[in-house]
Amino acid sequence: MSAITLSTCQGHAIAAFCAVERPDDHPLKPDGYVPLHGFWRSREYERHPALATTFHWKDIGDSEETHKPMVFWLKSLR
C-alpha cells in the first residue's frame, strides 16, 4: 500500500491510498489470508475500482520487476 496522502478537492479534504490487487491464487499470499477490505471500510474508506494505476517492483524470488494493478481507496475528511 502506498502512503496515505491528503489533497483538497473542491474545498473538501480527501484521504487516499492505493493497494495492490493480487489474484486469490498468488504464490506469495499466505495461507488463510484475509483481505483488508473490511478493515478499510470500517474506517470509512471506499474502494474505487475505476481509479486504478499500475506500479512495478520485484517480488521476492523474482529477477525482474513486474507490473502490479493498484486500486485507490478514498475517504472524505470533512
N, C-alpha and C. Protein backbone atom coordinates (compact mmCIF):
# COMPACT_ATOMS: atom_id res chain seq x y z
N MET A 1 0.85 -1.16 0.00
CA MET A 1 0.00 0.00 0.00
C MET A 1 0.90 1.23 0.00
N SER A 2 0.51 2.20 -0.74
CA SER A 2 1.29 3.44 -0.75
C SER A 2 0.92 4.29 0.45
N ALA A 3 1.70 5.29 0.73
CA ALA A 3 1.45 6.18 1.86
C ALA A 3 0.13 6.92 1.67
N ILE A 4 -0.55 7.15 2.76
CA ILE A 4 -1.80 7.92 2.72
C ILE A 4 -1.44 9.37 2.43
N THR A 5 -2.17 9.99 1.53
CA THR A 5 -1.91 11.37 1.17
C THR A 5 -3.17 12.20 1.38
N LEU A 6 -3.00 13.48 1.55
CA LEU A 6 -4.11 14.40 1.70
C LEU A 6 -4.12 15.35 0.53
N SER A 7 -5.30 15.66 0.07
CA SER A 7 -5.41 16.64 -1.01
C SER A 7 -6.70 17.41 -0.83
N THR A 8 -6.79 18.56 -1.45
CA THR A 8 -8.01 19.35 -1.39
C THR A 8 -8.67 19.29 -2.74
N CYS A 9 -9.93 18.93 -2.75
CA CYS A 9 -10.68 18.78 -3.99
C CYS A 9 -11.99 19.54 -3.84
N GLN A 10 -12.14 20.64 -4.52
CA GLN A 10 -13.34 21.47 -4.46
C GLN A 10 -13.70 21.81 -3.01
N GLY A 11 -12.71 22.11 -2.21
CA GLY A 11 -12.94 22.52 -0.83
C GLY A 11 -13.10 21.38 0.17
N HIS A 12 -13.09 20.14 -0.28
CA HIS A 12 -13.24 19.00 0.62
C HIS A 12 -11.91 18.27 0.77
N ALA A 13 -11.56 17.96 1.99
CA ALA A 13 -10.33 17.22 2.22
C ALA A 13 -10.61 15.73 2.00
N ILE A 14 -9.70 15.08 1.30
CA ILE A 14 -9.84 13.67 0.98
C ILE A 14 -8.54 12.95 1.35
N ALA A 15 -8.67 11.80 2.00
CA ALA A 15 -7.52 10.93 2.23
C ALA A 15 -7.60 9.82 1.18
N ALA A 16 -6.46 9.45 0.63
CA ALA A 16 -6.45 8.43 -0.42
C ALA A 16 -5.22 7.55 -0.29
N PHE A 17 -5.38 6.29 -0.66
CA PHE A 17 -4.24 5.39 -0.80
C PHE A 17 -4.57 4.40 -1.89
N CYS A 18 -3.57 3.75 -2.42
CA CYS A 18 -3.83 2.69 -3.37
C CYS A 18 -3.19 1.41 -2.84
N ALA A 19 -3.85 0.31 -3.12
CA ALA A 19 -3.41 -1.00 -2.63
C ALA A 19 -3.31 -1.97 -3.80
N VAL A 20 -2.34 -2.85 -3.72
CA VAL A 20 -2.14 -3.83 -4.78
C VAL A 20 -3.32 -4.82 -4.80
N GLU A 21 -3.70 -5.22 -5.99
CA GLU A 21 -4.76 -6.21 -6.19
C GLU A 21 -4.11 -7.49 -6.70
N ARG A 22 -3.96 -8.45 -5.81
CA ARG A 22 -3.34 -9.72 -6.20
C ARG A 22 -4.43 -10.77 -6.41
N PRO A 23 -4.21 -11.71 -7.34
CA PRO A 23 -5.20 -12.77 -7.53
C PRO A 23 -5.24 -13.69 -6.30
N ASP A 24 -6.36 -14.36 -6.12
CA ASP A 24 -6.52 -15.26 -4.97
C ASP A 24 -5.47 -16.35 -4.93
N ASP A 25 -4.99 -16.77 -6.09
CA ASP A 25 -4.02 -17.86 -6.15
C ASP A 25 -2.57 -17.37 -6.25
N HIS A 26 -2.31 -16.13 -5.88
CA HIS A 26 -0.94 -15.60 -5.96
C HIS A 26 -0.03 -16.43 -5.06
N PRO A 27 1.13 -16.85 -5.57
CA PRO A 27 2.01 -17.75 -4.80
C PRO A 27 2.58 -17.15 -3.51
N LEU A 28 2.63 -15.82 -3.39
CA LEU A 28 3.17 -15.21 -2.17
C LEU A 28 2.09 -14.91 -1.13
N LYS A 29 0.83 -15.19 -1.45
CA LYS A 29 -0.25 -14.96 -0.47
C LYS A 29 -0.17 -16.05 0.59
N PRO A 30 -0.11 -15.67 1.85
CA PRO A 30 -0.01 -16.70 2.90
C PRO A 30 -1.32 -17.49 3.04
N ASP A 31 -1.22 -18.70 3.53
CA ASP A 31 -2.41 -19.50 3.81
C ASP A 31 -3.28 -18.75 4.81
N GLY A 32 -4.57 -18.78 4.57
CA GLY A 32 -5.50 -18.12 5.49
C GLY A 32 -5.57 -16.62 5.34
N TYR A 33 -4.99 -16.09 4.28
CA TYR A 33 -5.01 -14.63 4.06
C TYR A 33 -6.43 -14.11 4.02
N VAL A 34 -6.66 -13.00 4.70
CA VAL A 34 -7.96 -12.33 4.69
C VAL A 34 -7.72 -10.91 4.15
N PRO A 35 -8.43 -10.53 3.07
CA PRO A 35 -8.24 -9.17 2.54
C PRO A 35 -8.57 -8.11 3.59
N LEU A 36 -7.98 -6.94 3.45
CA LEU A 36 -8.18 -5.85 4.41
C LEU A 36 -9.37 -4.96 4.06
N HIS A 37 -10.18 -5.37 3.09
CA HIS A 37 -11.32 -4.55 2.67
C HIS A 37 -12.22 -4.17 3.84
N GLY A 38 -12.55 -5.12 4.69
CA GLY A 38 -13.41 -4.85 5.85
C GLY A 38 -12.79 -3.85 6.81
N PHE A 39 -11.49 -3.97 7.02
CA PHE A 39 -10.77 -3.04 7.89
C PHE A 39 -10.88 -1.62 7.36
N TRP A 40 -10.62 -1.43 6.05
CA TRP A 40 -10.66 -0.08 5.48
C TRP A 40 -12.08 0.46 5.44
N ARG A 41 -13.07 -0.40 5.15
CA ARG A 41 -14.46 0.07 5.16
C ARG A 41 -14.88 0.50 6.57
N SER A 42 -14.39 -0.20 7.59
CA SER A 42 -14.74 0.18 8.97
C SER A 42 -14.16 1.54 9.34
N ARG A 43 -13.20 2.00 8.58
CA ARG A 43 -12.61 3.33 8.79
C ARG A 43 -13.12 4.33 7.76
N GLU A 44 -14.24 3.98 7.13
CA GLU A 44 -14.98 4.85 6.23
C GLU A 44 -14.29 5.12 4.90
N TYR A 45 -13.37 4.26 4.50
CA TYR A 45 -12.79 4.35 3.17
C TYR A 45 -13.69 3.59 2.21
N GLU A 46 -13.72 4.05 0.96
CA GLU A 46 -14.46 3.37 -0.10
C GLU A 46 -13.49 2.99 -1.21
N ARG A 47 -13.61 1.74 -1.66
CA ARG A 47 -12.79 1.26 -2.77
C ARG A 47 -13.37 1.83 -4.07
N HIS A 48 -12.50 2.35 -4.93
CA HIS A 48 -12.92 2.95 -6.20
C HIS A 48 -12.18 2.25 -7.34
N PRO A 49 -12.72 1.12 -7.82
CA PRO A 49 -12.02 0.36 -8.87
C PRO A 49 -11.80 1.15 -10.16
N ALA A 50 -12.61 2.16 -10.41
CA ALA A 50 -12.41 2.97 -11.62
C ALA A 50 -11.16 3.85 -11.51
N LEU A 51 -10.70 4.06 -10.28
CA LEU A 51 -9.45 4.81 -10.05
C LEU A 51 -8.34 3.79 -9.84
N ALA A 52 -7.62 3.52 -10.87
CA ALA A 52 -6.62 2.46 -10.81
C ALA A 52 -5.33 2.91 -11.49
N THR A 53 -4.26 2.26 -11.12
CA THR A 53 -2.97 2.51 -11.72
C THR A 53 -2.18 1.22 -11.71
N THR A 54 -0.96 1.28 -12.19
CA THR A 54 -0.07 0.13 -12.16
C THR A 54 1.29 0.59 -11.65
N PHE A 55 1.79 -0.12 -10.65
CA PHE A 55 3.15 0.10 -10.16
C PHE A 55 3.95 -1.14 -10.52
N HIS A 56 5.25 -1.02 -10.53
CA HIS A 56 6.07 -2.21 -10.79
C HIS A 56 7.18 -2.30 -9.77
N TRP A 57 7.45 -3.53 -9.34
CA TRP A 57 8.53 -3.83 -8.42
C TRP A 57 8.87 -5.31 -8.54
N LYS A 58 9.98 -5.68 -7.93
CA LYS A 58 10.41 -7.07 -7.92
C LYS A 58 9.78 -7.76 -6.72
N ASP A 59 9.07 -8.84 -6.96
CA ASP A 59 8.57 -9.66 -5.86
C ASP A 59 9.71 -10.53 -5.35
N ILE A 60 9.55 -11.06 -4.16
CA ILE A 60 10.54 -11.96 -3.57
C ILE A 60 10.77 -13.13 -4.53
N GLY A 61 12.02 -13.39 -4.83
CA GLY A 61 12.37 -14.52 -5.70
C GLY A 61 12.35 -14.21 -7.18
N ASP A 62 11.88 -13.04 -7.57
CA ASP A 62 11.86 -12.66 -8.98
C ASP A 62 13.17 -12.00 -9.38
N SER A 63 13.54 -12.15 -10.64
CA SER A 63 14.76 -11.50 -11.12
C SER A 63 14.47 -10.16 -11.78
N GLU A 64 13.18 -9.93 -12.14
CA GLU A 64 12.81 -8.68 -12.81
C GLU A 64 11.55 -8.10 -12.17
N GLU A 65 11.38 -6.80 -12.35
CA GLU A 65 10.16 -6.15 -11.90
C GLU A 65 8.99 -6.57 -12.78
N THR A 66 7.81 -6.67 -12.18
CA THR A 66 6.59 -6.94 -12.93
C THR A 66 5.56 -5.89 -12.53
N HIS A 67 4.61 -5.66 -13.42
CA HIS A 67 3.57 -4.66 -13.16
C HIS A 67 2.53 -5.23 -12.20
N LYS A 68 2.09 -4.39 -11.27
CA LYS A 68 1.08 -4.77 -10.28
C LYS A 68 -0.10 -3.82 -10.40
N PRO A 69 -1.32 -4.35 -10.54
CA PRO A 69 -2.50 -3.48 -10.56
C PRO A 69 -2.78 -2.93 -9.17
N MET A 70 -3.07 -1.63 -9.11
CA MET A 70 -3.34 -0.95 -7.85
C MET A 70 -4.69 -0.27 -7.93
N VAL A 71 -5.48 -0.34 -6.86
CA VAL A 71 -6.80 0.29 -6.82
C VAL A 71 -6.81 1.29 -5.67
N PHE A 72 -7.44 2.44 -5.90
CA PHE A 72 -7.49 3.51 -4.90
C PHE A 72 -8.68 3.36 -3.96
N TRP A 73 -8.44 3.74 -2.72
CA TRP A 73 -9.46 3.85 -1.68
C TRP A 73 -9.50 5.31 -1.23
N LEU A 74 -10.70 5.86 -1.07
CA LEU A 74 -10.85 7.28 -0.71
C LEU A 74 -11.73 7.44 0.52
N LYS A 75 -11.47 8.52 1.25
CA LYS A 75 -12.25 8.86 2.44
C LYS A 75 -12.34 10.37 2.53
N SER A 76 -13.56 10.87 2.73
CA SER A 76 -13.74 12.30 2.95
C SER A 76 -13.34 12.62 4.38
N LEU A 77 -12.64 13.73 4.56
CA LEU A 77 -12.18 14.13 5.89
C LEU A 77 -12.99 15.29 6.45
N ARG A 78 -14.03 15.67 5.77
CA ARG A 78 -14.80 16.82 6.24
C ARG A 78 -15.70 16.47 7.39
